[in-house]
């Protein structure tokens, strides 16, 4: 029984792309947070604004789709 050879190139590439995606997502989310006229987390957590939470979730999904498409 032989042990299959590990191909490190694709694994390292996947880790690099995942890290890049998370960093780009984080930066984009901070930019969206700064562009809004109010503090998103205070409004969602303290004021219990569920409509804003849905919008922020949709923005997060949209940013994720854009980042994933750009990396791919």
C-alpha atoms as a PDB file:
ATOM      1  CA  UNK A   1       0.000   0.000   0.000  1.00  0.00           C
ATOM      2  CA  UNK A   2       1.483   3.310  -1.048  1.00  0.00           C
ATOM      3  CA  UNK A   3       0.818   6.677   0.461  1.00  0.00           C
ATOM      4  CA  UNK A   4      -0.445   9.174  -2.116  1.00  0.00           C
ATOM      5  CA  UNK A   5       1.822  12.112  -2.788  1.00  0.00           C
ATOM      6  CA  UNK A   6       0.634  15.450  -1.402  1.00  0.00           C
ATOM      7  CA  UNK A   7       0.520  18.252  -3.941  1.00  0.00           C
ATOM      8  CA  UNK A   8       1.430  21.360  -1.945  1.00  0.00           C
ATOM      9  CA  UNK A   9       1.034  23.896  -4.770  1.00  0.00           C
ATOM     10  CA  UNK A  10      -2.782  23.807  -4.976  1.00  0.00           C
ATOM     11  CA  UNK A  11      -3.084  23.731  -1.181  1.00  0.00           C
ATOM     12  CA  UNK A  12      -0.885  26.797  -0.752  1.00  0.00           C
ATOM     13  CA  UNK A  13      -2.701  28.576  -3.603  1.00  0.00           C
ATOM     14  CA  UNK A  14      -6.063  27.862  -1.963  1.00  0.00           C
ATOM     15  CA  UNK A  15      -4.833  29.221   1.372  1.00  0.00           C
ATOM     16  CA  UNK A  16      -3.405  32.348  -0.259  1.00  0.00           C
ATOM     17  CA  UNK A  17      -6.612  32.999  -2.226  1.00  0.00           C
ATOM     18  CA  UNK A  18      -8.767  32.386   0.853  1.00  0.00           C
ATOM     19  CA  UNK A  19      -6.658  34.821   2.875  1.00  0.00           C
ATOM     20  CA  UNK A  20      -6.775  37.406   0.100  1.00  0.00           C
ATOM     21  CA  UNK A  21     -10.551  36.998  -0.140  1.00  0.00           C
ATOM     22  CA  UNK A  22     -11.037  37.477   3.594  1.00  0.00           C
ATOM     23  CA  UNK A  23      -8.822  40.574   3.644  1.00  0.00           C
ATOM     24  CA  UNK A  24     -10.577  42.118   0.636  1.00  0.00           C
ATOM     25  CA  UNK A  25     -13.975  41.308   2.156  1.00  0.00           C
ATOM     26  CA  UNK A  26     -12.969  42.889   5.465  1.00  0.00           C
ATOM     27  CA  UNK A  27     -11.686  46.058   3.786  1.00  0.00           C
ATOM     28  CA  UNK A  28     -14.809  46.350   1.633  1.00  0.00           C
ATOM     29  CA  UNK A  29     -17.057  45.861   4.646  1.00  0.00           C
ATOM     30  CA  UNK A  30     -15.207  48.552   6.615  1.00  0.00           C
ATOM     31  CA  UNK A  31     -15.595  50.913   3.647  1.00  0.00           C
ATOM     32  CA  UNK A  32     -19.355  50.231   3.556  1.00  0.00           C
ATOM     33  CA  UNK A  33     -19.529  50.798   7.321  1.00  0.00           C
ATOM     34  CA  UNK A  34     -17.691  54.129   7.002  1.00  0.00           C
ATOM     35  CA  UNK A  35     -19.881  55.317   4.105  1.00  0.00           C
ATOM     36  CA  UNK A  36     -23.132  54.845   6.015  1.00  0.00           C
ATOM     37  CA  UNK A  37     -24.321  57.873   8.017  1.00  0.00           C
ATOM     38  CA  UNK A  38     -24.689  55.835  11.220  1.00  0.00           C
ATOM     39  CA  UNK A  39     -22.749  53.155  13.067  1.00  0.00           C
ATOM     40  CA  UNK A  40     -23.982  49.817  11.694  1.00  0.00           C
ATOM     41  CA  UNK A  41     -23.254  47.575  14.666  1.00  0.00           C
ATOM     42  CA  UNK A  42     -24.674  49.996  17.243  1.00  0.00           C
ATOM     43  CA  UNK A  43     -27.837  50.312  15.161  1.00  0.00           C
ATOM     44  CA  UNK A  44     -28.192  46.548  14.728  1.00  0.00           C
ATOM     45  CA  UNK A  45     -27.257  45.436  18.253  1.00  0.00           C
ATOM     46  CA  UNK A  46     -28.476  48.272  20.492  1.00  0.00           C
ATOM     47  CA  UNK A  47     -31.468  49.483  18.489  1.00  0.00           C
ATOM     48  CA  UNK A  48     -32.393  45.941  17.316  1.00  0.00           C
ATOM     49  CA  UNK A  49     -32.882  47.153  13.736  1.00  0.00           C
ATOM     50  CA  UNK A  50     -33.621  43.882  11.937  1.00  0.00           C
ATOM     51  CA  UNK A  51     -34.249  45.570   8.571  1.00  0.00           C
ATOM     52  CA  UNK A  52     -30.733  47.012   8.650  1.00  0.00           C
ATOM     53  CA  UNK A  53     -29.353  43.612   9.654  1.00  0.00           C
ATOM     54  CA  UNK A  54     -30.968  42.079   6.565  1.00  0.00           C
ATOM     55  CA  UNK A  55     -29.497  44.816   4.355  1.00  0.00           C
ATOM     56  CA  UNK A  56     -26.035  44.379   5.887  1.00  0.00           C
ATOM     57  CA  UNK A  57     -26.302  40.624   5.340  1.00  0.00           C
ATOM     58  CA  UNK A  58     -27.240  41.184   1.708  1.00  0.00           C
ATOM     59  CA  UNK A  59     -24.295  43.567   1.293  1.00  0.00           C
ATOM     60  CA  UNK A  60     -21.982  40.958   2.826  1.00  0.00           C
ATOM     61  CA  UNK A  61     -23.258  38.275   0.421  1.00  0.00           C
ATOM     62  CA  UNK A  62     -22.876  40.681  -2.513  1.00  0.00           C
ATOM     63  CA  UNK A  63     -19.316  41.574  -1.557  1.00  0.00           C
ATOM     64  CA  UNK A  64     -18.508  37.882  -1.124  1.00  0.00           C
ATOM     65  CA  UNK A  65     -19.837  37.042  -4.590  1.00  0.00           C
ATOM     66  CA  UNK A  66     -17.812  39.852  -6.158  1.00  0.00           C
ATOM     67  CA  UNK A  67     -14.601  38.849  -4.337  1.00  0.00           C
ATOM     68  CA  UNK A  68     -15.085  35.161  -5.197  1.00  0.00           C
ATOM     69  CA  UNK A  69     -15.644  36.003  -8.863  1.00  0.00           C
ATOM     70  CA  UNK A  70     -12.618  38.275  -8.971  1.00  0.00           C
ATOM     71  CA  UNK A  71     -10.350  35.645  -7.400  1.00  0.00           C
ATOM     72  CA  UNK A  72     -11.657  32.856  -9.585  1.00  0.00           C
END
